[in-house]
Protein backbone atom coordinates (compact mmCIF):
# COMPACT_ATOMS: atom_id res chain seq x y z
CA MET A 1 122.42 82.95 143.26
CA ARG A 2 120.91 83.69 139.79
CA PHE A 3 124.66 84.59 138.71
CA LEU A 4 125.80 81.19 140.07
CA ALA A 5 122.94 79.50 138.29
CA TRP A 6 123.71 81.26 135.07
CA CYS A 7 127.51 80.20 135.37
CA ALA A 8 126.52 76.53 136.01
CA LEU A 9 124.61 76.76 132.91
CA ALA A 10 127.09 78.10 130.67
CA ALA A 11 129.74 75.65 132.19
CA GLY A 12 127.37 72.87 131.15
CA VAL A 13 126.90 74.21 127.54
CA LEU A 14 130.39 74.66 127.04
CA SER A 15 131.49 71.28 128.29
CA ALA A 16 128.81 69.67 126.00
CA SER A 17 130.03 71.49 123.13
CA SER A 18 133.48 70.61 123.83
CA ALA A 19 132.45 66.87 123.52
CA LEU A 20 131.06 67.29 120.06
CA ALA A 21 133.32 66.99 117.16
CA ASP A 22 133.25 68.05 113.56
CA PRO A 23 133.73 65.67 110.57
CA TYR A 24 137.28 66.88 110.08
CA ASP A 25 138.50 67.29 113.53
CA PHE A 26 141.47 65.04 114.08
CA ARG A 27 141.31 62.03 116.47
CA VAL A 28 145.15 60.73 116.65
CA TYR A 29 144.11 57.54 118.45
CA LYS A 30 142.84 56.23 115.35
CA LEU A 31 146.27 55.81 114.17
CA GLN A 32 146.69 53.21 116.46
CA ASN A 33 148.54 52.48 119.59
CA PRO A 34 152.45 52.63 119.03
CA SER A 35 152.73 49.63 121.49
CA THR A 36 150.73 47.38 119.55
CA ASN A 37 151.36 48.73 115.86
CA ALA A 38 154.91 49.05 114.82
CA ARG A 39 153.80 51.56 112.05
CA ALA A 40 151.97 53.99 114.27
CA ASN A 41 154.67 56.37 114.76
CA ALA A 42 155.38 56.55 111.15
CA GLN A 43 151.89 56.96 110.24
CA PHE A 44 151.90 60.13 113.02
CA ARG A 45 154.93 61.55 111.41
CA ALA A 46 153.50 60.97 107.96
CA PHE A 47 150.06 62.78 108.96
CA THR A 48 151.44 65.65 110.63
CA ARG A 49 154.12 66.32 107.93
CA GLU A 50 151.59 66.17 105.25
CA PHE A 51 149.27 68.52 107.20
CA ALA A 52 151.74 70.79 107.93
CA ALA A 53 152.59 71.10 104.17
CA ALA A 54 148.59 72.02 103.75
CA LEU A 55 148.70 74.79 106.33
CA THR A 56 151.96 76.47 104.71
CA SER A 57 151.00 76.02 101.17
CA VAL A 58 149.95 79.52 100.82
CA ASN A 59 151.72 83.07 100.26
CA LEU A 60 149.88 85.18 97.80
CA SER A 61 151.80 88.12 97.82
CA PRO A 62 154.94 88.94 95.68
CA PRO A 63 158.37 89.80 97.17
CA GLU A 64 157.94 93.35 97.00
CA THR A 65 156.49 95.17 100.11
CA LEU A 66 153.58 97.63 100.66
CA GLY A 67 155.64 100.51 101.88
CA HIS A 68 156.05 101.98 105.16
CA ALA A 69 152.62 103.76 105.35
CA ALA A 70 150.50 100.97 103.56
CA PHE A 71 148.17 98.57 105.00
CA ALA A 72 146.54 95.69 103.35
CA ILE A 73 143.51 93.25 104.26
CA ASN A 74 142.73 90.02 102.12
CA ALA A 75 140.32 87.11 102.21
CA GLU A 76 142.08 84.19 101.00
CA LEU A 77 141.27 80.44 100.09
CA SER A 78 143.46 77.42 99.71
CA VAL A 79 142.37 74.34 97.91
CA VAL A 80 144.54 71.58 98.85
CA GLN A 81 144.85 68.04 97.55
CA PHE A 82 146.04 64.86 99.37
CA ASP A 83 146.76 61.54 98.33
CA GLN A 84 144.94 59.67 100.82
CA ASP A 85 145.88 56.24 99.57
CA VAL A 86 149.39 56.46 101.20
CA VAL A 87 148.79 58.81 104.41
CA GLN A 88 146.03 58.38 106.78
CA PHE A 89 144.26 61.52 108.12
CA PRO A 90 142.62 60.72 111.24
CA THR A 91 139.68 62.75 110.89
CA GLU A 92 136.40 62.18 112.78
CA ARG A 93 135.14 60.64 109.77
CA PHE A 94 138.21 58.33 109.16
CA VAL A 95 137.46 54.67 109.07
CA ALA A 96 140.42 52.26 108.57
CA PRO A 97 139.97 49.66 105.82
CA ASP A 98 139.35 45.98 106.91
CA PRO A 99 142.66 44.28 106.28
CA ALA A 100 140.63 41.55 104.28
CA ASP A 101 139.25 44.15 102.12
CA PRO A 102 141.63 46.80 101.25
CA SER A 103 138.71 48.90 99.50
CA SER A 104 136.60 49.13 102.56
CA GLY A 105 137.07 51.99 105.35
CA ARG A 106 136.65 55.78 104.49
CA THR A 107 139.38 58.43 104.11
CA GLY A 108 139.94 61.57 106.19
CA PHE A 109 138.86 64.14 103.68
CA ASP A 110 136.05 64.00 101.15
CA GLY A 111 138.39 65.18 98.16
CA ALA A 112 140.17 68.52 98.27
CA LEU A 113 140.50 70.29 101.63
CA LEU A 114 139.20 74.02 101.91
CA ILE A 115 141.17 76.33 104.12
CA PRO A 116 139.79 80.09 103.98
CA SER A 117 141.72 82.42 105.94
CA LEU A 118 142.14 86.18 106.69
CA HIS A 119 145.51 87.93 105.76
CA VAL A 120 146.39 91.40 107.18
CA ARG A 121 149.81 93.03 106.39
CA LYS A 122 151.35 96.26 107.39
CA GLY A 123 154.35 98.03 105.48
CA LEU A 124 157.34 99.36 107.68
CA PRO A 125 160.16 101.47 106.98
CA TRP A 126 163.46 100.17 105.32
CA SER A 127 161.20 97.57 102.86
CA PHE A 128 159.96 95.40 105.81
CA GLU A 129 156.55 94.23 106.27
CA LEU A 130 154.68 92.52 108.99
CA GLY A 131 151.75 90.11 108.65
CA LEU A 132 149.13 87.84 110.30
CA ARG A 133 147.11 85.23 108.88
CA ALA A 134 144.36 83.67 110.63
CA ALA A 135 142.75 80.51 108.79
CA TRP A 136 140.20 77.97 109.65
CA ILE A 137 140.03 74.29 108.48
CA GLU A 138 136.63 73.68 106.91
CA LYS A 139 134.22 71.21 108.49
CA SER A 140 136.19 71.40 111.76
CA ARG A 141 136.77 73.38 114.79
CA MET A 142 140.45 73.87 114.10
CA ALA A 143 142.14 76.96 113.24
CA ALA A 144 145.56 78.04 112.16
CA GLY A 145 147.46 81.27 113.09
CA THR A 146 150.75 82.58 111.11
CA GLY A 147 152.93 85.57 112.06
CA GLU A 148 155.26 86.44 109.31
CA VAL A 149 158.10 89.28 108.61
CA LYS A 150 159.20 90.07 104.95
CA TRP A 151 162.18 91.97 103.79
CA ALA A 152 162.67 93.35 100.23
CA ILE A 153 166.17 93.11 99.21
CA ASN A 154 165.64 94.58 96.12
CA GLU A 155 162.27 96.38 94.80
CA GLY A 156 161.22 99.04 92.57
CA PHE A 157 164.16 99.07 90.00
CA THR A 158 163.24 99.45 86.38
CA TYR A 159 165.04 96.98 84.98
CA LEU A 160 165.61 94.59 88.04
CA PRO A 161 163.17 92.17 89.47
CA ASP A 162 161.99 92.43 93.08
CA LEU A 163 163.84 90.14 95.55
CA GLY A 164 162.44 89.41 98.89
CA VAL A 165 162.77 87.06 101.93
CA ARG A 166 160.17 86.03 104.36
CA GLY A 167 160.21 84.02 107.67
CA TYR A 168 157.03 82.87 109.06
CA VAL A 169 155.59 80.56 112.02
CA THR A 170 152.25 78.43 111.67
CA ARG A 171 150.66 76.76 114.61
CA LEU A 172 147.53 74.63 114.48
CA PHE A 173 145.07 75.47 117.29
CA ASN A 174 142.05 73.69 118.89
CA THR A 175 143.57 70.08 118.52
CA LYS A 176 142.95 67.11 120.52
CA ASP A 177 145.91 65.07 121.93
CA PHE A 178 148.53 66.57 119.68
CA ASP A 179 150.50 69.74 118.86
CA LEU A 180 151.61 70.93 115.25
CA THR A 181 153.90 73.74 114.48
CA ALA A 182 155.64 74.87 111.24
CA ALA A 183 158.14 77.32 110.32
CA GLY A 184 159.45 78.32 107.08
CA LEU A 185 161.95 80.86 105.03
CA ASP A 186 161.20 81.62 101.65
CA ILE A 187 162.99 83.61 98.54
CA GLY A 188 160.76 85.19 96.15
CA LEU A 189 161.28 86.76 92.78
CA GLY A 190 158.78 88.98 91.05
CA LYS A 191 158.30 91.97 88.83
CA GLN A 192 155.58 94.46 88.70
CA PHE A 193 154.30 95.92 85.50
CA ALA A 194 152.01 99.12 85.28
CA ILE A 195 149.06 99.21 82.63
CA GLY A 196 147.29 102.38 82.13
CA GLY A 197 148.63 103.95 85.38
CA MET A 198 146.04 102.75 87.63
CA VAL A 199 146.53 99.05 87.17
CA THR A 200 149.65 96.80 87.82
CA LEU A 201 150.14 92.93 87.29
CA THR A 202 152.89 91.32 89.24
CA PRO A 203 153.90 87.59 88.27
CA TYR A 204 156.04 86.06 90.85
CA VAL A 205 157.76 82.82 91.58
CA GLY A 206 159.45 81.41 95.00
CA TRP A 207 161.26 78.55 96.87
CA ASN A 208 160.26 77.89 100.44
CA LEU A 209 162.01 75.76 102.87
CA VAL A 210 159.46 74.49 105.52
CA TRP A 211 160.42 72.94 109.08
CA VAL A 212 157.93 70.81 110.89
CA ALA A 213 157.55 70.00 114.62
CA ALA A 214 154.70 67.83 116.39
CA SER A 215 154.29 65.96 119.38
CA SER A 216 151.36 64.30 121.17
CA ASN A 217 149.92 64.36 124.77
CA SER A 218 149.06 61.03 126.48
CA VAL A 219 146.60 59.63 124.23
CA ASP A 220 143.84 57.28 124.84
CA PHE A 221 143.55 54.40 122.23
CA ASN A 222 140.42 52.98 123.49
CA PRO A 223 138.23 56.10 124.19
CA GLY A 224 134.92 53.92 123.51
CA ARG A 225 135.61 51.55 126.38
CA SER A 226 132.45 50.46 128.47
CA TYR A 227 131.68 51.40 132.05
CA PRO A 228 132.43 47.63 133.07
CA GLU A 229 135.80 47.88 131.20
CA SER A 230 136.63 51.10 132.69
CA VAL A 231 136.23 49.70 136.24
CA ALA A 232 137.70 46.10 135.81
CA SER A 233 140.87 47.05 137.38
CA PRO A 234 142.37 50.23 139.26
CA ASN A 235 144.42 50.99 136.17
CA ALA A 236 141.91 49.86 133.56
CA GLN A 237 141.31 53.48 132.27
CA PHE A 238 144.93 53.93 131.63
CA ASP A 239 146.12 50.75 130.31
CA GLN A 240 146.00 51.51 126.66
CA THR A 241 147.22 55.10 126.87
CA ASN A 242 150.61 55.95 124.96
CA VAL A 243 152.43 58.90 123.38
CA PHE A 244 153.63 59.16 119.86
CA ASP A 245 157.36 59.66 118.98
CA GLU A 246 157.99 63.40 118.79
CA VAL A 247 158.54 64.66 115.27
CA GLY A 248 161.59 67.06 115.80
CA ILE A 249 161.71 70.49 113.74
CA GLY A 250 165.42 70.11 112.94
CA ALA A 251 165.10 66.74 111.44
CA ASN A 252 161.80 67.26 109.58
CA SER A 253 161.85 69.55 106.58
CA HIS A 254 160.70 69.96 102.82
CA SER A 255 160.92 72.42 99.83
CA ARG A 256 157.88 74.11 98.46
CA TYR A 257 157.68 75.85 95.06
CA TYR A 258 155.25 78.21 94.37
CA GLY A 259 154.09 80.95 91.26
CA GLY A 260 151.52 83.28 91.25
CA LEU A 261 149.90 86.51 89.67
CA ARG A 262 148.66 89.46 91.40
CA PHE A 263 146.39 92.23 89.98
CA ILE A 264 146.02 95.67 91.80
CA GLY A 265 143.45 98.19 90.34
CA GLY A 266 143.16 101.18 92.52
CA ALA A 267 142.91 99.85 96.00
CA LEU A 268 141.46 96.51 95.00
CA GLN A 269 143.76 93.43 94.95
CA LEU A 270 143.20 90.18 93.16
CA GLY A 271 145.56 87.19 93.09
CA ALA A 272 146.01 83.63 92.17
CA GLU A 273 148.85 81.16 93.17
CA PHE A 274 149.90 77.49 92.50
CA SER A 275 151.90 75.84 95.15
CA TYR A 276 153.76 72.39 95.13
CA SER A 277 155.24 70.82 98.29
CA GLN A 278 157.91 68.19 97.69
CA LEU A 279 157.75 65.75 100.58
CA PRO A 280 160.86 63.44 101.44
CA THR A 281 161.10 59.74 101.91
CA LEU A 282 160.73 58.20 105.53
CA HIS A 283 163.43 55.47 105.76
CA ASN A 284 163.13 52.11 107.60
CA VAL A 285 159.50 52.24 108.24
CA PRO A 286 158.12 49.09 109.67
CA THR A 287 155.94 47.06 107.46
CA GLY A 288 154.07 45.23 110.34
CA GLU A 289 155.40 41.89 109.04
CA GLY A 290 158.19 40.95 111.77
CA ASP A 291 161.06 43.07 111.93
CA ALA A 292 161.05 44.04 108.08
CA THR A 293 161.30 47.55 107.10
CA ALA A 294 160.72 49.62 103.83
CA ASP A 295 160.93 53.20 102.67
CA LEU A 296 157.75 55.47 102.67
CA GLN A 297 157.63 57.92 99.94
CA LEU A 298 155.45 60.72 101.39
CA PRO A 299 153.04 62.25 98.66
CA ASN A 300 153.62 65.73 97.44
CA VAL A 301 150.96 68.32 98.45
CA MET A 302 149.42 70.61 95.71
CA ALA A 303 147.45 73.68 96.37
CA PHE A 304 145.56 76.44 94.50
CA ASN A 305 145.16 79.66 96.28
CA VAL A 306 143.09 82.61 95.44
CA THR A 307 142.85 85.96 97.15
CA VAL A 308 140.72 89.30 97.14
CA GLY A 309 141.60 92.30 99.40
CA LEU A 310 142.06 95.94 99.66
CA ASP A 311 145.54 97.92 99.74
CA TYR A 312 145.60 101.25 101.24
């Protein structure tokens, strides 16, 4: 009986904590119901594409691999800047502006977004490398996981730059009512320079093609309904539920350009990187005025990334 009591208490604590939300947790119902707002599906597509660009805005390793016996672990931090005047990020703190007063409301993020992460890489034979990255979205209960594989086509030659390709998949976890996945393929070019025997500097640049997929579950667009409203009719709790149009991975891609510098002294690794994601234009987006449509240019996403770690 005591065991059952402890189980009941634990279940109560977990259910209570799951009802809570941190300021940056997403609540996609704030993008409004597609059945009543013609722009809602476009807002969902814009939001997921912008946030996927943030999750994939970090590389922090040059194209060369670790070597078949090497292992590296790094703590990383990405500082991501969004243009929130164009894209709505429906966080818990987001408040839509009053149509009569466009300056009112509150944006989704308070300034730049911080995404700390832990990155583990393992070298393999034949110039291959596997990596795992676990990231956390600040002020939220969301996390992102990335799995990657890299192959150095050319590395270690005296007069030739290193050339490598990397493929990866990133998924956002612990979201409510929607799923977000991004996959990418990038090509990097870099060159390692030895200084004094034990120190190396490696500048590098690269281009990354990113694909984005997103979908929603059945979303309740009136979660704050009162009890009398919820029992007004047999279907009252479901009369404002809907789903957003799916964001298909084959039709939603963008380019990312990056450049960085890595320092290695003994086993210590330090690095910094700038990333620029160039988002496309969404065509035929409803304006909300009758059947009129217009193009929506998604804002580009910029990120500054830093890392510190150990290379064995």
